[in-house]
């Protein structure tokens, strides 16, 4: 039994170029900024799984886990076409779009005039206790022990989906719209410091809220209360492991992740050490998305019946985020009850 939170986003190169360099370079060349690969998703769900594993022919192990999923919340995008072009004479921006914003959560509502929010404790309690967004998934795995110290394995995990039905909405936009700009008001505070604000923006709104509401209005988005299906990011892996010592093993891992319309691949070399009965340390180097500067670190600590773990494949991404293409961070805890039966003293002496 587990509660899981997932977040992922894909940011196109053209969008980063737009933010860093503005629209002037593309405008004078008559080019458009292509944002069609922009995507984001964030969701949380309850997971109840039942697993089975067995060994056959002395060297093979196979396992499977069937999982029932119950979605708590989801917000995601589905972009087919999204681009902006700037007119070099008027500086007006023409946006051409075909995308959807999808959400299933009780504390956010999309309307014709913007986005309404209700962050009350009642809404959060409803989200945490819901079982009205059902889904299923499966994990599969196979291991072949070549020798006592050498093994290979293959696995496929999180193959499944969630049917988002409660408080679900889909906002769709298809067509062109012209953005003439926003009027900025300048003023000075009591200390004489220059400050600015967006004219006609409601005082209660933040700039982020104002932008979201403006996007909904500009694209004249069609909003429907309808259910939709969200697929989990599925993983495929091939692993080779060699144990050098009872406390040290080396590993070679190929990992592929299906995230939306993208297949992300990585090859990882790792060293794994069982320091003692309660602490394990892991170090790795990965080749991810044509980049080599990916040094990873992880640990697993068992404190009584609680096992806490955390691992990342790119420590440098937290130091130099502007140079990172991908960041993967996994952490959580396992609660383990029971223990192996102790041998009797008589049996131990014999």
C-alpha atoms as a PDB file:
ATOM      1  CA  UNK A   1       0.000   0.000   0.000  1.00  0.00           C
ATOM      2  CA  UNK A   2       1.465   3.360  -1.006  1.00  0.00           C
ATOM      3  CA  UNK A   3       0.589   6.983  -1.680  1.00  0.00           C
ATOM      4  CA  UNK A   4       2.487   8.299  -4.698  1.00  0.00           C
ATOM      5  CA  UNK A   5       3.081  11.789  -6.072  1.00  0.00           C
ATOM      6  CA  UNK A   6       4.375  12.338  -9.618  1.00  0.00           C
ATOM      7  CA  UNK A   7       5.450  15.506 -11.401  1.00  0.00           C
ATOM      8  CA  UNK A   8       6.994  15.899 -14.834  1.00  0.00           C
ATOM      9  CA  UNK A   9       7.474  18.616 -17.422  1.00  0.00           C
ATOM     10  CA  UNK A  10       9.038  19.014 -20.860  1.00  0.00           C
ATOM     11  CA  UNK A  11      10.300  22.486 -21.793  1.00  0.00           C
ATOM     12  CA  UNK A  12      11.106  23.073 -25.499  1.00  0.00           C
ATOM     13  CA  UNK A  13      14.380  24.721 -26.446  1.00  0.00           C
ATOM     14  CA  UNK A  14      12.479  27.525 -28.237  1.00  0.00           C
ATOM     15  CA  UNK A  15      10.729  28.440 -24.973  1.00  0.00           C
ATOM     16  CA  UNK A  16      14.016  28.761 -23.091  1.00  0.00           C
ATOM     17  CA  UNK A  17      15.384  30.858 -25.958  1.00  0.00           C
ATOM     18  CA  UNK A  18      12.256  33.047 -25.804  1.00  0.00           C
ATOM     19  CA  UNK A  19      12.665  33.604 -22.044  1.00  0.00           C
ATOM     20  CA  UNK A  20      16.434  34.248 -22.171  1.00  0.00           C
ATOM     21  CA  UNK A  21      16.836  36.172 -25.450  1.00  0.00           C
ATOM     22  CA  UNK A  22      13.343  37.527 -26.040  1.00  0.00           C
ATOM     23  CA  UNK A  23      11.518  37.450 -29.341  1.00  0.00           C
ATOM     24  CA  UNK A  24      13.717  39.904 -31.293  1.00  0.00           C
ATOM     25  CA  UNK A  25      16.097  37.333 -32.921  1.00  0.00           C
ATOM     26  CA  UNK A  26      13.219  35.253 -34.270  1.00  0.00           C
ATOM     27  CA  UNK A  27      11.160  38.316 -35.178  1.00  0.00           C
ATOM     28  CA  UNK A  28      13.800  39.835 -37.458  1.00  0.00           C
ATOM     29  CA  UNK A  29      14.425  36.456 -39.107  1.00  0.00           C
ATOM     30  CA  UNK A  30      10.698  35.887 -39.674  1.00  0.00           C
ATOM     31  CA  UNK A  31      10.750  32.661 -37.639  1.00  0.00           C
ATOM     32  CA  UNK A  32       8.221  31.351 -35.174  1.00  0.00           C
ATOM     33  CA  UNK A  33       8.860  29.964 -31.724  1.00  0.00           C
ATOM     34  CA  UNK A  34       7.693  26.341 -31.664  1.00  0.00           C
ATOM     35  CA  UNK A  35       6.352  25.300 -28.249  1.00  0.00           C
ATOM     36  CA  UNK A  36       4.556  22.145 -29.426  1.00  0.00           C
ATOM     37  CA  UNK A  37       6.655  19.868 -27.186  1.00  0.00           C
ATOM     38  CA  UNK A  38       5.657  21.768 -24.058  1.00  0.00           C
ATOM     39  CA  UNK A  39       3.990  19.476 -21.534  1.00  0.00           C
ATOM     40  CA  UNK A  40       3.466  19.156 -17.827  1.00  0.00           C
ATOM     41  CA  UNK A  41       1.673  16.815 -15.471  1.00  0.00           C
ATOM     42  CA  UNK A  42       1.275  16.502 -11.728  1.00  0.00           C
ATOM     43  CA  UNK A  43      -0.811  13.907  -9.970  1.00  0.00           C
ATOM     44  CA  UNK A  44      -1.173  11.914  -6.801  1.00  0.00           C
ATOM     45  CA  UNK A  45      -2.853   8.584  -6.176  1.00  0.00           C
ATOM     46  CA  UNK A  46      -3.350   5.748  -3.705  1.00  0.00           C
ATOM     47  CA  UNK A  47      -1.826   2.428  -4.778  1.00  0.00           C
ATOM     48  CA  UNK A  48      -2.810  -1.013  -3.485  1.00  0.00           C
ATOM     49  CA  UNK A  49      -0.768  -3.851  -4.952  1.00  0.00           C
ATOM     50  CA  UNK A  50      -0.601  -7.623  -4.666  1.00  0.00           C
ATOM     51  CA  UNK A  51       2.646  -9.237  -5.797  1.00  0.00           C
ATOM     52  CA  UNK A  52       3.791 -12.762  -6.584  1.00  0.00           C
ATOM     53  CA  UNK A  53       7.301 -14.090  -7.135  1.00  0.00           C
ATOM     54  CA  UNK A  54       8.734 -17.551  -7.672  1.00  0.00           C
ATOM     55  CA  UNK A  55      11.934 -19.320  -8.658  1.00  0.00           C
ATOM     56  CA  UNK A  56      12.141 -22.052 -11.279  1.00  0.00           C
ATOM     57  CA  UNK A  57      14.923 -24.094 -12.896  1.00  0.00           C
ATOM     58  CA  UNK A  58      17.110 -23.042  -9.935  1.00  0.00           C
ATOM     59  CA  UNK A  59      18.474 -19.960 -11.768  1.00  0.00           C
ATOM     60  CA  UNK A  60      15.377 -18.051 -12.886  1.00  0.00           C
ATOM     61  CA  UNK A  61      13.146 -15.811 -10.804  1.00  0.00           C
ATOM     62  CA  UNK A  62       9.972 -14.210 -12.099  1.00  0.00           C
ATOM     63  CA  UNK A  63       7.594 -11.812 -10.431  1.00  0.00           C
ATOM     64  CA  UNK A  64       4.514  -9.716 -11.096  1.00  0.00           C
ATOM     65  CA  UNK A  65       2.478  -7.181  -9.192  1.00  0.00           C
ATOM     66  CA  UNK A  66      -1.099  -6.191  -9.984  1.00  0.00           C
ATOM     67  CA  UNK A  67      -2.048  -2.757  -8.664  1.00  0.00           C
ATOM     68  CA  UNK A  68      -5.314  -0.951  -8.078  1.00  0.00           C
ATOM     69  CA  UNK A  69      -4.984   2.829  -8.302  1.00  0.00           C
ATOM     70  CA  UNK A  70      -7.249   5.530  -6.874  1.00  0.00           C
ATOM     71  CA  UNK A  71      -6.458   9.029  -8.094  1.00  0.00           C
ATOM     72  CA  UNK A  72      -6.434  11.956  -5.655  1.00  0.00           C
ATOM     73  CA  UNK A  73      -5.667  14.831  -8.020  1.00  0.00           C
ATOM     74  CA  UNK A  74      -4.377  15.502 -11.521  1.00  0.00           C
ATOM     75  CA  UNK A  75      -3.475  18.530 -13.619  1.00  0.00           C
ATOM     76  CA  UNK A  76      -1.902  18.020 -17.031  1.00  0.00           C
ATOM     77  CA  UNK A  77      -1.590  19.349 -20.560  1.00  0.00           C
ATOM     78  CA  UNK A  78      -2.040  17.787 -23.968  1.00  0.00           C
ATOM     79  CA  UNK A  79      -0.394  19.903 -26.672  1.00  0.00           C
ATOM     80  CA  UNK A  80      -0.707  19.112 -30.389  1.00  0.00           C
ATOM     81  CA  UNK A  81       0.260  22.539 -31.752  1.00  0.00           C
ATOM     82  CA  UNK A  82       1.541  25.677 -30.025  1.00  0.00           C
ATOM     83  CA  UNK A  83       3.622  28.458 -31.583  1.00  0.00           C
ATOM     84  CA  UNK A  84       4.072  32.241 -31.404  1.00  0.00           C
ATOM     85  CA  UNK A  85       5.118  34.631 -34.178  1.00  0.00           C
ATOM     86  CA  UNK A  86       5.989  38.316 -33.657  1.00  0.00           C
ATOM     87  CA  UNK A  87       5.124  40.972 -36.242  1.00  0.00           C
ATOM     88  CA  UNK A  88       8.289  43.065 -36.877  1.00  0.00           C
ATOM     89  CA  UNK A  89       6.241  46.248 -37.471  1.00  0.00           C
ATOM     90  CA  UNK A  90       3.493  46.217 -34.814  1.00  0.00           C
ATOM     91  CA  UNK A  91       5.268  43.840 -32.396  1.00  0.00           C
ATOM     92  CA  UNK A  92       1.931  42.036 -31.938  1.00  0.00           C
ATOM     93  CA  UNK A  93       2.277  38.341 -31.137  1.00  0.00           C
ATOM     94  CA  UNK A  94       0.183  35.785 -33.008  1.00  0.00           C
ATOM     95  CA  UNK A  95      -0.326  32.573 -31.076  1.00  0.00           C
ATOM     96  CA  UNK A  96      -1.454  29.450 -32.942  1.00  0.00           C
ATOM     97  CA  UNK A  97      -2.622  26.690 -30.634  1.00  0.00           C
ATOM     98  CA  UNK A  98      -4.271  23.317 -30.404  1.00  0.00           C
ATOM     99  CA  UNK A  99      -4.005  22.136 -26.818  1.00  0.00           C
ATOM    100  CA  UNK A 100      -5.919  20.949 -23.791  1.00  0.00           C
ATOM    101  CA  UNK A 101      -5.669  21.724 -20.083  1.00  0.00           C
ATOM    102  CA  UNK A 102      -7.026  18.850 -18.001  1.00  0.00           C
ATOM    103  CA  UNK A 103      -7.683  18.757 -14.287  1.00  0.00           C
ATOM    104  CA  UNK A 104      -9.329  16.539 -11.710  1.00  0.00           C
ATOM    105  CA  UNK A 105      -9.275  18.138  -8.262  1.00  0.00           C
ATOM    106  CA  UNK A 106     -11.924  19.598  -5.955  1.00  0.00           C
ATOM    107  CA  UNK A 107     -10.177  22.890  -5.133  1.00  0.00           C
ATOM    108  CA  UNK A 108      -9.712  24.269  -8.681  1.00  0.00           C
ATOM    109  CA  UNK A 109     -12.424  25.116 -11.208  1.00  0.00           C
ATOM    110  CA  UNK A 110     -11.883  26.382 -14.763  1.00  0.00           C
ATOM    111  CA  UNK A 111     -14.536  28.865 -15.958  1.00  0.00           C
ATOM    112  CA  UNK A 112     -15.052  31.043 -19.022  1.00  0.00           C
ATOM    113  CA  UNK A 113     -13.521  34.006 -17.206  1.00  0.00           C
ATOM    114  CA  UNK A 114     -10.553  32.334 -15.547  1.00  0.00           C
ATOM    115  CA  UNK A 115      -9.586  29.904 -12.808  1.00  0.00           C
ATOM    116  CA  UNK A 116     -11.282  29.786  -9.403  1.00  0.00           C
ATOM    117  CA  UNK A 117      -9.539  28.284  -6.384  1.00  0.00           C
ATOM    118  CA  UNK A 118     -10.813  26.944  -3.062  1.00  0.00           C
ATOM    119  CA  UNK A 119      -7.946  25.922  -0.781  1.00  0.00           C
ATOM    120  CA  UNK A 120     -10.144  25.119   2.206  1.00  0.00           C
ATOM    121  CA  UNK A 121      -9.482  22.197   4.535  1.00  0.00           C
ATOM    122  CA  UNK A 122     -12.734  20.619   3.343  1.00  0.00           C
ATOM    123  CA  UNK A 123     -11.500  20.530  -0.272  1.00  0.00           C
ATOM    124  CA  UNK A 124      -8.154  19.003   0.726  1.00  0.00           C
ATOM    125  CA  UNK A 125      -9.843  16.387   2.901  1.00  0.00           C
ATOM    126  CA  UNK A 126     -12.098  15.462  -0.005  1.00  0.00           C
ATOM    127  CA  UNK A 127      -9.054  15.081  -2.254  1.00  0.00           C
ATOM    128  CA  UNK A 128      -7.113  12.898   0.200  1.00  0.00           C
ATOM    129  CA  UNK A 129     -10.032  10.593   0.981  1.00  0.00           C
ATOM    130  CA  UNK A 130     -11.404  10.076  -2.532  1.00  0.00           C
ATOM    131  CA  UNK A 131     -11.591   6.668  -4.195  1.00  0.00           C
ATOM    132  CA  UNK A 132     -13.617   7.814  -7.184  1.00  0.00           C
ATOM    133  CA  UNK A 133     -10.855   7.913  -9.820  1.00  0.00           C
ATOM    134  CA  UNK A 134     -10.099   4.207 -10.441  1.00  0.00           C
ATOM    135  CA  UNK A 135      -7.166   2.811 -12.370  1.00  0.00           C
ATOM    136  CA  UNK A 136      -5.032  -0.284 -12.805  1.00  0.00           C
ATOM    137  CA  UNK A 137      -1.346  -0.984 -13.398  1.00  0.00           C
ATOM    138  CA  UNK A 138       1.065  -3.910 -13.505  1.00  0.00           C
ATOM    139  CA  UNK A 139       4.769  -4.496 -12.767  1.00  0.00           C
ATOM    140  CA  UNK A 140       6.662  -7.398 -14.374  1.00  0.00           C
ATOM    141  CA  UNK A 141      10.173  -8.703 -13.725  1.00  0.00           C
ATOM    142  CA  UNK A 142      12.532 -11.573 -14.608  1.00  0.00           C
ATOM    143  CA  UNK A 143      15.981 -12.390 -13.186  1.00  0.00           C
ATOM    144  CA  UNK A 144      18.535 -14.937 -14.373  1.00  0.00           C
ATOM    145  CA  UNK A 145      21.339 -15.834 -11.946  1.00  0.00           C
ATOM    146  CA  UNK A 146      24.290 -16.705 -14.199  1.00  0.00           C
ATOM    147  CA  UNK A 147      26.527 -17.569 -11.242  1.00  0.00           C
ATOM    148  CA  UNK A 148      26.358 -16.997  -7.501  1.00  0.00           C
ATOM    149  CA  UNK A 149      27.927 -13.541  -8.034  1.00  0.00           C
ATOM    150  CA  UNK A 150      26.519 -12.559 -11.416  1.00  0.00           C
ATOM    151  CA  UNK A 151      22.938 -11.921 -12.590  1.00  0.00           C
ATOM    152  CA  UNK A 152      20.916 -10.184 -15.291  1.00  0.00           C
ATOM    153  CA  UNK A 153      17.337  -8.953 -15.049  1.00  0.00           C
ATOM    154  CA  UNK A 154      14.659  -7.198 -17.079  1.00  0.00           C
ATOM    155  CA  UNK A 155      11.600  -5.389 -15.784  1.00  0.00           C
ATOM    156  CA  UNK A 156       8.679  -3.253 -16.901  1.00  0.00           C
ATOM    157  CA  UNK A 157       6.896  -1.170 -14.263  1.00  0.00           C
ATOM    158  CA  UNK A 158       3.904   1.148 -13.966  1.00  0.00           C
ATOM    159  CA  UNK A 159       2.166  -0.089 -17.098  1.00  0.00           C
ATOM    160  CA  UNK A 160      -1.299   1.322 -16.510  1.00  0.00           C
ATOM    161  CA  UNK A 161      -3.665   4.273 -16.353  1.00  0.00           C
ATOM    162  CA  UNK A 162      -6.114   6.184 -14.157  1.00  0.00           C
ATOM    163  CA  UNK A 163      -9.625   7.112 -15.239  1.00  0.00           C
ATOM    164  CA  UNK A 164     -10.111  10.664 -13.901  1.00  0.00           C
ATOM    165  CA  UNK A 165     -13.839  11.090 -13.234  1.00  0.00           C
ATOM    166  CA  UNK A 166     -14.379  13.252 -10.130  1.00  0.00           C
ATOM    167  CA  UNK A 167     -14.285  17.066 -10.425  1.00  0.00           C
ATOM    168  CA  UNK A 168     -12.710  16.564 -13.851  1.00  0.00           C
ATOM    169  CA  UNK A 169     -12.661  19.254 -16.541  1.00  0.00           C
ATOM    170  CA  UNK A 170     -11.069  19.584 -19.974  1.00  0.00           C
ATOM    171  CA  UNK A 171     -10.396  23.077 -21.384  1.00  0.00           C
ATOM    172  CA  UNK A 172      -9.616  23.036 -25.115  1.00  0.00           C
ATOM    173  CA  UNK A 173      -8.203  25.738 -27.404  1.00  0.00           C
ATOM    174  CA  UNK A 174      -7.850  25.499 -31.180  1.00  0.00           C
ATOM    175  CA  UNK A 175      -7.021  28.408 -33.487  1.00  0.00           C
ATOM    176  CA  UNK A 176      -5.156  31.707 -33.599  1.00  0.00           C
ATOM    177  CA  UNK A 177      -5.261  34.721 -31.312  1.00  0.00           C
ATOM    178  CA  UNK A 178      -3.407  38.034 -31.417  1.00  0.00           C
ATOM    179  CA  UNK A 179      -1.780  39.323 -28.237  1.00  0.00           C
ATOM    180  CA  UNK A 180      -1.254  43.091 -28.435  1.00  0.00           C
ATOM    181  CA  UNK A 181       0.575  43.324 -25.117  1.00  0.00           C
ATOM    182  CA  UNK A 182      -0.150  44.397 -21.550  1.00  0.00           C
ATOM    183  CA  UNK A 183      -0.089  47.945 -20.252  1.00  0.00           C
ATOM    184  CA  UNK A 184       2.409  48.479 -17.455  1.00  0.00           C
ATOM    185  CA  UNK A 185       1.938  51.264 -14.911  1.00  0.00           C
ATOM    186  CA  UNK A 186       4.990  52.858 -13.264  1.00  0.00           C
ATOM    187  CA  UNK A 187       4.967  54.598  -9.885  1.00  0.00           C
ATOM    188  CA  UNK A 188       7.162  55.364  -6.887  1.00  0.00           C
ATOM    189  CA  UNK A 189       6.672  54.169  -3.342  1.00  0.00           C
ATOM    190  CA  UNK A 190       7.127  56.289  -0.201  1.00  0.00           C
ATOM    191  CA  UNK A 191      10.900  55.697  -0.366  1.00  0.00           C
ATOM    192  CA  UNK A 192      11.115  56.909  -3.942  1.00  0.00           C
ATOM    193  CA  UNK A 193      11.779  53.429  -5.305  1.00  0.00           C
ATOM    194  CA  UNK A 194      10.372  52.764  -8.769  1.00  0.00           C
ATOM    195  CA  UNK A 195       7.762  50.001  -8.930  1.00  0.00           C
ATOM    196  CA  UNK A 196       5.504  48.666 -11.634  1.00  0.00           C
ATOM    197  CA  UNK A 197       2.182  46.875 -11.949  1.00  0.00           C
ATOM    198  CA  UNK A 198      -0.077  45.551 -14.695  1.00  0.00           C
ATOM    199  CA  UNK A 199      -2.876  47.987 -15.471  1.00  0.00           C
ATOM    200  CA  UNK A 200      -6.407  46.634 -15.030  1.00  0.00           C
ATOM    201  CA  UNK A 201      -5.155  43.659 -13.015  1.00  0.00           C
ATOM    202  CA  UNK A 202      -7.445  43.012 -10.004  1.00  0.00           C
ATOM    203  CA  UNK A 203      -5.718  43.884  -6.752  1.00  0.00           C
ATOM    204  CA  UNK A 204      -6.541  40.483  -5.262  1.00  0.00           C
ATOM    205  CA  UNK A 205      -4.786  38.609  -8.072  1.00  0.00           C
ATOM    206  CA  UNK A 206      -1.141  37.693  -8.327  1.00  0.00           C
ATOM    207  CA  UNK A 207       0.627  38.137 -11.664  1.00  0.00           C
ATOM    208  CA  UNK A 208       0.546  34.339 -12.135  1.00  0.00           C
ATOM    209  CA  UNK A 209      -3.212  34.213 -11.513  1.00  0.00           C
ATOM    210  CA  UNK A 210      -3.740  37.165 -13.870  1.00  0.00           C
ATOM    211  CA  UNK A 211      -1.747  35.453 -16.639  1.00  0.00           C
ATOM    212  CA  UNK A 212      -3.701  32.181 -16.233  1.00  0.00           C
ATOM    213  CA  UNK A 213      -7.034  33.992 -16.390  1.00  0.00           C
ATOM    214  CA  UNK A 214      -5.857  35.989 -19.422  1.00  0.00           C
ATOM    215  CA  UNK A 215      -4.803  32.807 -21.281  1.00  0.00           C
ATOM    216  CA  UNK A 216      -8.246  31.277 -20.716  1.00  0.00           C
ATOM    217  CA  UNK A 217      -9.946  34.435 -22.027  1.00  0.00           C
ATOM    218  CA  UNK A 218      -7.615  35.058 -25.002  1.00  0.00           C
ATOM    219  CA  UNK A 219      -7.935  31.560 -26.443  1.00  0.00           C
ATOM    220  CA  UNK A 220     -11.695  31.479 -25.828  1.00  0.00           C
ATOM    221  CA  UNK A 221     -11.220  27.998 -24.433  1.00  0.00           C
ATOM    222  CA  UNK A 222     -14.080  25.522 -24.610  1.00  0.00           C
ATOM    223  CA  UNK A 223     -14.597  24.093 -21.131  1.00  0.00           C
ATOM    224  CA  UNK A 224     -16.361  20.798 -20.494  1.00  0.00           C
ATOM    225  CA  UNK A 225     -16.996  18.720 -17.408  1.00  0.00           C
ATOM    226  CA  UNK A 226     -15.819  15.372 -18.729  1.00  0.00           C
ATOM    227  CA  UNK A 227     -13.737  12.422 -17.645  1.00  0.00           C
ATOM    228  CA  UNK A 228     -10.426  11.504 -19.270  1.00  0.00           C
ATOM    229  CA  UNK A 229      -7.726   8.837 -19.057  1.00  0.00           C
ATOM    230  CA  UNK A 230      -4.204   9.568 -17.851  1.00  0.00           C
ATOM    231  CA  UNK A 231      -1.417   7.067 -18.509  1.00  0.00           C
ATOM    232  CA  UNK A 232       1.362   6.527 -15.979  1.00  0.00           C
ATOM    233  CA  UNK A 233       4.995   7.146 -16.998  1.00  0.00           C
ATOM    234  CA  UNK A 234       6.069   3.541 -17.685  1.00  0.00           C
ATOM    235  CA  UNK A 235       9.615   2.268 -17.209  1.00  0.00           C
ATOM    236  CA  UNK A 236      11.613  -0.435 -18.972  1.00  0.00           C
ATOM    237  CA  UNK A 237      14.973  -1.586 -17.596  1.00  0.00           C
ATOM    238  CA  UNK A 238      17.763  -4.109 -18.242  1.00  0.00           C
ATOM    239  CA  UNK A 239      20.229  -4.691 -15.436  1.00  0.00           C
ATOM    240  CA  UNK A 240      23.520  -6.556 -15.068  1.00  0.00           C
ATOM    241  CA  UNK A 241      24.959  -7.008 -11.578  1.00  0.00           C
ATOM    242  CA  UNK A 242      28.284  -8.442 -10.393  1.00  0.00           C
ATOM    243  CA  UNK A 243      29.136  -8.924  -6.727  1.00  0.00           C
ATOM    244  CA  UNK A 244      32.818  -8.272  -6.042  1.00  0.00           C
ATOM    245  CA  UNK A 245      32.499  -8.751  -2.297  1.00  0.00           C
ATOM    246  CA  UNK A 246      29.757  -9.521   0.181  1.00  0.00           C
ATOM    247  CA  UNK A 247      29.558  -5.781   0.862  1.00  0.00           C
ATOM    248  CA  UNK A 248      30.230  -4.397  -2.628  1.00  0.00           C
ATOM    249  CA  UNK A 249      28.612  -4.975  -6.022  1.00  0.00           C
ATOM    250  CA  UNK A 250      28.847  -3.294  -9.434  1.00  0.00           C
ATOM    251  CA  UNK A 251      25.964  -2.722 -11.802  1.00  0.00           C
ATOM    252  CA  UNK A 252      25.228  -1.764 -15.410  1.00  0.00           C
ATOM    253  CA  UNK A 253      21.698  -0.512 -16.059  1.00  0.00           C
ATOM    254  CA  UNK A 254      19.774   0.524 -19.157  1.00  0.00           C
ATOM    255  CA  UNK A 255      16.591   2.424 -18.373  1.00  0.00           C
ATOM    256  CA  UNK A 256      13.912   3.816 -20.651  1.00  0.00           C
ATOM    257  CA  UNK A 257      10.924   5.900 -19.568  1.00  0.00           C
ATOM    258  CA  UNK A 258       7.830   6.603 -21.633  1.00  0.00           C
ATOM    259  CA  UNK A 259       6.764  10.104 -20.587  1.00  0.00           C
ATOM    260  CA  UNK A 260       3.933  11.530 -22.684  1.00  0.00           C
ATOM    261  CA  UNK A 261       5.236  11.622 -26.280  1.00  0.00           C
ATOM    262  CA  UNK A 262       8.864  11.300 -25.215  1.00  0.00           C
ATOM    263  CA  UNK A 263      11.018   8.219 -24.658  1.00  0.00           C
ATOM    264  CA  UNK A 264      13.880   9.081 -22.281  1.00  0.00           C
ATOM    265  CA  UNK A 265      16.868   6.717 -22.238  1.00  0.00           C
ATOM    266  CA  UNK A 266      19.773   6.355 -19.826  1.00  0.00           C
ATOM    267  CA  UNK A 267      22.749   4.038 -19.261  1.00  0.00           C
ATOM    268  CA  UNK A 268      24.130   3.894 -15.728  1.00  0.00           C
ATOM    269  CA  UNK A 269      27.237   2.410 -14.114  1.00  0.00           C
ATOM    270  CA  UNK A 270      26.884   1.990 -10.362  1.00  0.00           C
ATOM    271  CA  UNK A 271      28.663   0.831  -7.224  1.00  0.00           C
ATOM    272  CA  UNK A 272      26.496  -0.397  -4.364  1.00  0.00           C
ATOM    273  CA  UNK A 273      27.752  -1.090  -0.859  1.00  0.00           C
ATOM    274  CA  UNK A 274      26.058  -2.602   2.185  1.00  0.00           C
ATOM    275  CA  UNK A 275      27.978  -0.760   4.900  1.00  0.00           C
ATOM    276  CA  UNK A 276      26.230  -2.660   7.685  1.00  0.00           C
ATOM    277  CA  UNK A 277      22.867  -4.226   8.475  1.00  0.00           C
ATOM    278  CA  UNK A 278      21.057  -0.851   8.503  1.00  0.00           C
ATOM    279  CA  UNK A 279      22.874   1.383   5.964  1.00  0.00           C
ATOM    280  CA  UNK A 280      23.490   1.041   2.203  1.00  0.00           C
ATOM    281  CA  UNK A 281      25.232   3.597  -0.029  1.00  0.00           C
ATOM    282  CA  UNK A 282      25.074   3.921  -3.824  1.00  0.00           C
ATOM    283  CA  UNK A 283      27.140   5.933  -6.314  1.00  0.00           C
ATOM    284  CA  UNK A 284      26.592   6.122 -10.074  1.00  0.00           C
ATOM    285  CA  UNK A 285      27.549   7.717 -13.378  1.00  0.00           C
ATOM    286  CA  UNK A 286      24.944   8.003 -16.145  1.00  0.00           C
ATOM    287  CA  UNK A 287      24.754   8.810 -19.834  1.00  0.00           C
ATOM    288  CA  UNK A 288      21.380  10.546 -20.188  1.00  0.00           C
ATOM    289  CA  UNK A 289      19.964  12.311 -23.244  1.00  0.00           C
ATOM    290  CA  UNK A 290      23.411  12.736 -24.847  1.00  0.00           C
ATOM    291  CA  UNK A 291      24.943  14.217 -21.680  1.00  0.00           C
ATOM    292  CA  UNK A 292      27.732  12.664 -19.606  1.00  0.00           C
ATOM    293  CA  UNK A 293      27.966  14.979 -16.559  1.00  0.00           C
ATOM    294  CA  UNK A 294      25.508  12.953 -14.482  1.00  0.00           C
ATOM    295  CA  UNK A 295      26.921  11.824 -11.146  1.00  0.00           C
ATOM    296  CA  UNK A 296      24.438  10.124  -8.867  1.00  0.00           C
ATOM    297  CA  UNK A 297      24.215   9.280  -5.189  1.00  0.00           C
ATOM    298  CA  UNK A 298      21.772   7.424  -2.987  1.00  0.00           C
ATOM    299  CA  UNK A 299      21.304   5.752   0.362  1.00  0.00           C
ATOM    300  CA  UNK A 300      18.969   3.407   2.166  1.00  0.00           C
ATOM    301  CA  UNK A 301      18.743   3.477   5.951  1.00  0.00           C
ATOM    302  CA  UNK A 302      16.782   1.008   8.076  1.00  0.00           C
ATOM    303  CA  UNK A 303      15.694   2.463  11.406  1.00  0.00           C
ATOM    304  CA  UNK A 304      13.687  -0.191  13.176  1.00  0.00           C
ATOM    305  CA  UNK A 305      10.614  -1.029  11.098  1.00  0.00           C
ATOM    306  CA  UNK A 306      11.104   2.108   8.937  1.00  0.00           C
ATOM    307  CA  UNK A 307      13.376   2.032   5.888  1.00  0.00           C
ATOM    308  CA  UNK A 308      14.051   5.467   4.388  1.00  0.00           C
ATOM    309  CA  UNK A 309      15.619   5.748   0.925  1.00  0.00           C
ATOM    310  CA  UNK A 310      16.616   8.507  -1.467  1.00  0.00           C
ATOM    311  CA  UNK A 311      18.486   8.358  -4.780  1.00  0.00           C
ATOM    312  CA  UNK A 312      19.209  10.744  -7.653  1.00  0.00           C
ATOM    313  CA  UNK A 313      21.088  10.192 -10.908  1.00  0.00           C
ATOM    314  CA  UNK A 314      22.312  13.799 -11.222  1.00  0.00           C
ATOM    315  CA  UNK A 315      23.666  15.480  -8.089  1.00  0.00           C
ATOM    316  CA  UNK A 316      25.230  18.268 -10.189  1.00  0.00           C
ATOM    317  CA  UNK A 317      21.772  19.299 -11.416  1.00  0.00           C
ATOM    318  CA  UNK A 318      21.007  20.692  -7.961  1.00  0.00           C
ATOM    319  CA  UNK A 319      24.220  22.753  -8.066  1.00  0.00           C
ATOM    320  CA  UNK A 320      24.026  23.846 -11.732  1.00  0.00           C
ATOM    321  CA  UNK A 321      20.326  23.551 -12.692  1.00  0.00           C
ATOM    322  CA  UNK A 322      20.767  25.777 -15.749  1.00  0.00           C
ATOM    323  CA  UNK A 323      22.992  23.126 -17.352  1.00  0.00           C
ATOM    324  CA  UNK A 324      20.793  20.128 -16.564  1.00  0.00           C
ATOM    325  CA  UNK A 325      18.604  18.398 -19.133  1.00  0.00           C
ATOM    326  CA  UNK A 326      17.022  15.888 -16.752  1.00  0.00           C
ATOM    327  CA  UNK A 327      16.745  15.491 -12.988  1.00  0.00           C
ATOM    328  CA  UNK A 328      15.431  12.273 -11.433  1.00  0.00           C
ATOM    329  CA  UNK A 329      14.906  12.103  -7.690  1.00  0.00           C
ATOM    330  CA  UNK A 330      13.255   9.164  -5.926  1.00  0.00           C
ATOM    331  CA  UNK A 331      12.672   9.060  -2.193  1.00  0.00           C
ATOM    332  CA  UNK A 332      10.282   7.448   0.239  1.00  0.00           C
ATOM    333  CA  UNK A 333       9.969   5.032   3.103  1.00  0.00           C
ATOM    334  CA  UNK A 334       8.883   1.450   3.625  1.00  0.00           C
ATOM    335  CA  UNK A 335       7.259   0.110   6.772  1.00  0.00           C
ATOM    336  CA  UNK A 336       8.241  -3.518   7.434  1.00  0.00           C
ATOM    337  CA  UNK A 337       6.583  -5.682  10.071  1.00  0.00           C
ATOM    338  CA  UNK A 338       7.596  -9.123  11.265  1.00  0.00           C
ATOM    339  CA  UNK A 339      10.975 -10.872  11.171  1.00  0.00           C
ATOM    340  CA  UNK A 340      12.449 -14.271  10.257  1.00  0.00           C
ATOM    341  CA  UNK A 341      11.911 -16.972  12.823  1.00  0.00           C
ATOM    342  CA  UNK A 342      14.871 -17.341  15.129  1.00  0.00           C
ATOM    343  CA  UNK A 343      16.527 -20.735  15.348  1.00  0.00           C
ATOM    344  CA  UNK A 344      16.278 -22.412  18.675  1.00  0.00           C
ATOM    345  CA  UNK A 345      19.414 -22.706  20.765  1.00  0.00           C
ATOM    346  CA  UNK A 346      19.293 -26.480  20.422  1.00  0.00           C
ATOM    347  CA  UNK A 347      19.184 -26.282  16.650  1.00  0.00           C
ATOM    348  CA  UNK A 348      21.990 -23.728  16.669  1.00  0.00           C
ATOM    349  CA  UNK A 349      24.228 -26.035  18.751  1.00  0.00           C
ATOM    350  CA  UNK A 350      23.513 -28.983  16.505  1.00  0.00           C
END
